[in-house]
Amino acid sequence: MARQKKEDAKQMTIREAILKARNELQEARGEKGLDCRDELRKAMKLALQGCQLSREEVAERMSELTGLDITGVQIDAWLADSKRERHLPAELLPAFCVACGDHGPIEVLCLGAGLFAMVPADALRTDLYRLRQEHAKMLKQIRQKETFLRRIEHA
């Protein structure tokens, strides 16, 4: 049991991880403030590189998800460094992330706004961890009170 507590003490909490990621993003932005176009473009490129689909297939999947006509040429324009004024409309970002199977681009936007995106399973794991910690604390309090009660009854 003591070993587990030692490992937990070294492990970063979710809050610490969020603050660290937010600080790193703010440092990377420097004087750009909340302009996250470059970071978003980079995250989208990484999502496409890690994806098993071609840009045309991603565009087709996005079209299926949104009901809009999206092409590989549009994706190229959104990602081109030379076309900085062109960018993915925010309402299409969820479809892009689902099509690529990567939430990195949404995380860039969330961190910029001071939020942290989490998939439902991770959120549930976090909640379960918190509940287990509370449960362990309550069990300890119960044992202490039972011990105290036994002492009082046998005194």
C-alpha atoms as a PDB file:
ATOM      1  CA  MET A   1       0.000   0.000   0.000  1.00  0.00           C
ATOM      2  CA  ALA A   2       2.803   2.427   0.879  1.00  0.00           C
ATOM      3  CA  ARG A   3       4.410   1.782  -2.493  1.00  0.00           C
ATOM      4  CA  GLN A   4       1.240   2.841  -4.314  1.00  0.00           C
ATOM      5  CA  LYS A   5       1.093   6.085  -2.363  1.00  0.00           C
ATOM      6  CA  LYS A   6       4.720   6.777  -3.240  1.00  0.00           C
ATOM      7  CA  GLU A   7       3.995   6.338  -6.965  1.00  0.00           C
ATOM      8  CA  ASP A   8       0.849   8.497  -6.707  1.00  0.00           C
ATOM      9  CA  ALA A   9       2.871  11.298  -5.119  1.00  0.00           C
ATOM     10  CA  LYS A  10       5.124  11.382  -8.194  1.00  0.00           C
ATOM     11  CA  GLN A  11       2.231  11.295 -10.632  1.00  0.00           C
ATOM     12  CA  MET A  12       1.045  14.627 -11.970  1.00  0.00           C
ATOM     13  CA  THR A  13      -2.573  15.462 -11.191  1.00  0.00           C
ATOM     14  CA  ILE A  14      -4.913  16.319 -14.035  1.00  0.00           C
ATOM     15  CA  ARG A  15      -5.019  19.912 -12.849  1.00  0.00           C
ATOM     16  CA  GLU A  16      -1.210  20.080 -12.904  1.00  0.00           C
ATOM     17  CA  ALA A  17      -1.142  18.553 -16.397  1.00  0.00           C
ATOM     18  CA  ILE A  18      -3.688  21.086 -17.646  1.00  0.00           C
ATOM     19  CA  LEU A  19      -1.792  24.017 -16.164  1.00  0.00           C
ATOM     20  CA  LYS A  20       1.493  22.722 -17.589  1.00  0.00           C
ATOM     21  CA  ALA A  21       0.003  22.282 -21.064  1.00  0.00           C
ATOM     22  CA  ARG A  22      -1.624  25.722 -20.921  1.00  0.00           C
ATOM     23  CA  ASN A  23       1.647  27.370 -19.822  1.00  0.00           C
ATOM     24  CA  GLU A  24       3.600  25.606 -22.565  1.00  0.00           C
ATOM     25  CA  LEU A  25       1.068  26.748 -25.160  1.00  0.00           C
ATOM     26  CA  GLN A  26       1.171  30.332 -23.886  1.00  0.00           C
ATOM     27  CA  GLU A  27       4.976  30.323 -23.921  1.00  0.00           C
ATOM     28  CA  ALA A  28       4.978  28.955 -27.470  1.00  0.00           C
ATOM     29  CA  ARG A  29       2.601  31.693 -28.581  1.00  0.00           C
ATOM     30  CA  GLY A  30       4.625  34.484 -27.047  1.00  0.00           C
ATOM     31  CA  GLU A  31       3.344  37.808 -28.305  1.00  0.00           C
ATOM     32  CA  LYS A  32       0.710  36.261 -30.580  1.00  0.00           C
ATOM     33  CA  GLY A  33      -1.706  36.099 -27.680  1.00  0.00           C
ATOM     34  CA  LEU A  34      -4.747  33.971 -28.498  1.00  0.00           C
ATOM     35  CA  ASP A  35      -3.982  33.711 -32.222  1.00  0.00           C
ATOM     36  CA  CYS A  36      -3.628  29.949 -32.479  1.00  0.00           C
ATOM     37  CA  ARG A  37      -3.750  29.562 -36.269  1.00  0.00           C
ATOM     38  CA  ASP A  38      -0.206  28.228 -36.491  1.00  0.00           C
ATOM     39  CA  GLU A  39      -0.673  25.762 -33.637  1.00  0.00           C
ATOM     40  CA  LEU A  40      -3.997  24.626 -35.070  1.00  0.00           C
ATOM     41  CA  ARG A  41      -2.498  24.148 -38.542  1.00  0.00           C
ATOM     42  CA  LYS A  42       0.376  22.157 -37.029  1.00  0.00           C
ATOM     43  CA  ALA A  43      -2.019  19.972 -34.993  1.00  0.00           C
ATOM     44  CA  MET A  44      -4.145  19.356 -38.092  1.00  0.00           C
ATOM     45  CA  LYS A  45      -1.077  18.358 -40.110  1.00  0.00           C
ATOM     46  CA  LEU A  46      -0.024  15.961 -37.362  1.00  0.00           C
ATOM     47  CA  ALA A  47      -3.543  14.509 -37.263  1.00  0.00           C
ATOM     48  CA  LEU A  48      -3.441  13.880 -40.998  1.00  0.00           C
ATOM     49  CA  GLN A  49       0.044  12.349 -40.814  1.00  0.00           C
ATOM     50  CA  GLY A  50      -1.089   9.956 -38.104  1.00  0.00           C
ATOM     51  CA  CYS A  51      -4.258   9.087 -39.965  1.00  0.00           C
ATOM     52  CA  GLN A  52      -4.584   6.016 -42.185  1.00  0.00           C
ATOM     53  CA  LEU A  53      -6.708   7.986 -44.665  1.00  0.00           C
ATOM     54  CA  SER A  54      -5.663  10.224 -47.548  1.00  0.00           C
ATOM     55  CA  ARG A  55      -6.746  13.866 -47.552  1.00  0.00           C
ATOM     56  CA  GLU A  56      -9.431  12.999 -50.079  1.00  0.00           C
ATOM     57  CA  GLU A  57     -10.718  10.210 -47.834  1.00  0.00           C
ATOM     58  CA  VAL A  58     -10.709  12.552 -44.829  1.00  0.00           C
ATOM     59  CA  ALA A  59     -12.658  15.098 -46.903  1.00  0.00           C
ATOM     60  CA  GLU A  60     -15.144  12.406 -47.934  1.00  0.00           C
ATOM     61  CA  ARG A  61     -15.595  11.309 -44.321  1.00  0.00           C
ATOM     62  CA  MET A  62     -16.067  14.922 -43.215  1.00  0.00           C
ATOM     63  CA  SER A  63     -18.681  15.347 -45.944  1.00  0.00           C
ATOM     64  CA  GLU A  64     -20.530  12.285 -44.654  1.00  0.00           C
ATOM     65  CA  LEU A  65     -20.404  13.604 -41.095  1.00  0.00           C
ATOM     66  CA  THR A  66     -21.534  17.148 -41.900  1.00  0.00           C
ATOM     67  CA  GLY A  67     -23.675  16.789 -45.000  1.00  0.00           C
ATOM     68  CA  LEU A  68     -21.489  19.435 -46.671  1.00  0.00           C
ATOM     69  CA  ASP A  69     -19.345  19.077 -49.777  1.00  0.00           C
ATOM     70  CA  ILE A  70     -15.746  19.088 -48.551  1.00  0.00           C
ATOM     71  CA  THR A  71     -12.826  18.344 -50.852  1.00  0.00           C
ATOM     72  CA  GLY A  72      -9.198  17.386 -50.479  1.00  0.00           C
ATOM     73  CA  VAL A  73      -8.309  20.685 -52.163  1.00  0.00           C
ATOM     74  CA  GLN A  74     -10.055  22.558 -49.334  1.00  0.00           C
ATOM     75  CA  ILE A  75      -8.070  20.597 -46.762  1.00  0.00           C
ATOM     76  CA  ASP A  76      -4.865  21.445 -48.656  1.00  0.00           C
ATOM     77  CA  ALA A  77      -5.810  25.131 -48.573  1.00  0.00           C
ATOM     78  CA  TRP A  78      -6.592  25.017 -44.840  1.00  0.00           C
ATOM     79  CA  LEU A  79      -3.191  23.480 -44.138  1.00  0.00           C
ATOM     80  CA  ALA A  80      -1.030  25.469 -46.567  1.00  0.00           C
ATOM     81  CA  ASP A  81       1.437  27.743 -44.777  1.00  0.00           C
ATOM     82  CA  SER A  82       1.294  30.078 -47.771  1.00  0.00           C
ATOM     83  CA  LYS A  83      -2.478  30.522 -47.390  1.00  0.00           C
ATOM     84  CA  ARG A  84      -2.515  31.740 -43.809  1.00  0.00           C
ATOM     85  CA  GLU A  85      -5.787  33.639 -44.317  1.00  0.00           C
ATOM     86  CA  ARG A  86      -7.519  30.361 -45.209  1.00  0.00           C
ATOM     87  CA  HIS A  87      -8.441  28.175 -42.277  1.00  0.00           C
ATOM     88  CA  LEU A  88     -10.826  25.428 -41.302  1.00  0.00           C
ATOM     89  CA  PRO A  89     -14.167  26.834 -40.124  1.00  0.00           C
ATOM     90  CA  ALA A  90     -14.612  26.057 -36.435  1.00  0.00           C
ATOM     91  CA  GLU A  91     -17.897  24.232 -37.034  1.00  0.00           C
ATOM     92  CA  LEU A  92     -16.031  21.672 -39.183  1.00  0.00           C
ATOM     93  CA  LEU A  93     -13.282  20.968 -36.669  1.00  0.00           C
ATOM     94  CA  PRO A  94     -15.174  18.159 -34.853  1.00  0.00           C
ATOM     95  CA  ALA A  95     -15.746  16.378 -38.179  1.00  0.00           C
ATOM     96  CA  PHE A  96     -12.053  16.767 -39.065  1.00  0.00           C
ATOM     97  CA  CYS A  97     -11.008  15.304 -35.714  1.00  0.00           C
ATOM     98  CA  VAL A  98     -13.445  12.389 -35.977  1.00  0.00           C
ATOM     99  CA  ALA A  99     -12.388  11.670 -39.566  1.00  0.00           C
ATOM    100  CA  CYS A 100      -8.704  11.630 -38.582  1.00  0.00           C
ATOM    101  CA  GLY A 101      -9.261   9.915 -35.247  1.00  0.00           C
ATOM    102  CA  ASP A 102      -7.230  12.622 -33.487  1.00  0.00           C
ATOM    103  CA  HIS A 103      -8.463  15.239 -31.000  1.00  0.00           C
ATOM    104  CA  GLY A 104      -5.237  17.260 -31.078  1.00  0.00           C
ATOM    105  CA  PRO A 105      -6.658  20.179 -33.085  1.00  0.00           C
ATOM    106  CA  ILE A 106      -9.592  20.623 -30.691  1.00  0.00           C
ATOM    107  CA  GLU A 107      -7.208  20.420 -27.747  1.00  0.00           C
ATOM    108  CA  VAL A 108      -5.243  23.361 -29.189  1.00  0.00           C
ATOM    109  CA  LEU A 109      -8.383  25.502 -29.205  1.00  0.00           C
ATOM    110  CA  CYS A 110      -9.493  24.362 -25.772  1.00  0.00           C
ATOM    111  CA  LEU A 111      -6.128  25.010 -24.121  1.00  0.00           C
ATOM    112  CA  GLY A 112      -6.019  28.452 -25.702  1.00  0.00           C
ATOM    113  CA  ALA A 113      -9.336  29.232 -24.047  1.00  0.00           C
ATOM    114  CA  GLY A 114      -8.140  27.872 -20.712  1.00  0.00           C
ATOM    115  CA  LEU A 115     -10.079  24.615 -21.026  1.00  0.00           C
ATOM    116  CA  PHE A 116      -9.045  20.992 -21.178  1.00  0.00           C
ATOM    117  CA  ALA A 117     -10.697  18.541 -23.552  1.00  0.00           C
ATOM    118  CA  MET A 118     -11.166  15.012 -22.331  1.00  0.00           C
ATOM    119  CA  VAL A 119     -12.794  11.986 -23.948  1.00  0.00           C
ATOM    120  CA  PRO A 120     -15.735  10.650 -21.914  1.00  0.00           C
ATOM    121  CA  ALA A 121     -13.903   7.492 -20.821  1.00  0.00           C
ATOM    122  CA  ASP A 122     -11.015   9.535 -19.384  1.00  0.00           C
ATOM    123  CA  ALA A 123     -13.436  11.868 -17.627  1.00  0.00           C
ATOM    124  CA  LEU A 124     -15.162   8.851 -16.074  1.00  0.00           C
ATOM    125  CA  ARG A 125     -11.813   7.345 -15.018  1.00  0.00           C
ATOM    126  CA  THR A 126     -10.921  10.646 -13.365  1.00  0.00           C
ATOM    127  CA  ASP A 127     -14.231  10.734 -11.539  1.00  0.00           C
ATOM    128  CA  LEU A 128     -13.829   7.112 -10.421  1.00  0.00           C
ATOM    129  CA  TYR A 129     -10.324   7.854  -9.136  1.00  0.00           C
ATOM    130  CA  ARG A 130     -11.644  10.818  -7.137  1.00  0.00           C
ATOM    131  CA  LEU A 131     -14.470   8.708  -5.698  1.00  0.00           C
ATOM    132  CA  ARG A 132     -12.046   5.934  -4.730  1.00  0.00           C
ATOM    133  CA  GLN A 133      -9.855   8.473  -2.950  1.00  0.00           C
ATOM    134  CA  GLU A 134     -12.875   9.819  -1.063  1.00  0.00           C
ATOM    135  CA  HIS A 135     -13.997   6.274  -0.257  1.00  0.00           C
ATOM    136  CA  ALA A 136     -10.566   5.375   1.124  1.00  0.00           C
ATOM    137  CA  LYS A 137     -10.575   8.525   3.249  1.00  0.00           C
ATOM    138  CA  MET A 138     -14.043   7.711   4.588  1.00  0.00           C
ATOM    139  CA  LEU A 139     -13.034   4.117   5.392  1.00  0.00           C
ATOM    140  CA  LYS A 140     -10.058   5.420   7.342  1.00  0.00           C
ATOM    141  CA  GLN A 141     -12.334   7.760   9.301  1.00  0.00           C
ATOM    142  CA  ILE A 142     -14.756   4.897   9.998  1.00  0.00           C
ATOM    143  CA  ARG A 143     -11.917   2.687  11.307  1.00  0.00           C
ATOM    144  CA  GLN A 144     -10.664   5.497  13.529  1.00  0.00           C
ATOM    145  CA  LYS A 145     -14.124   6.080  14.985  1.00  0.00           C
ATOM    146  CA  GLU A 146     -14.676   2.328  15.513  1.00  0.00           C
ATOM    147  CA  THR A 147     -11.333   2.104  17.316  1.00  0.00           C
ATOM    148  CA  PHE A 148     -12.240   5.091  19.467  1.00  0.00           C
ATOM    149  CA  LEU A 149     -15.652   3.569  20.226  1.00  0.00           C
ATOM    150  CA  ARG A 150     -14.072   0.268  21.306  1.00  0.00           C
ATOM    151  CA  ARG A 151     -11.730   2.155  23.616  1.00  0.00           C
ATOM    152  CA  ILE A 152     -14.634   4.058  25.163  1.00  0.00           C
ATOM    153  CA  GLU A 153     -16.719   0.906  25.639  1.00  0.00           C
ATOM    154  CA  HIS A 154     -13.844  -1.004  27.266  1.00  0.00           C
ATOM    155  CA  ALA A 155     -12.731   1.835  29.513  1.00  0.00           C
END
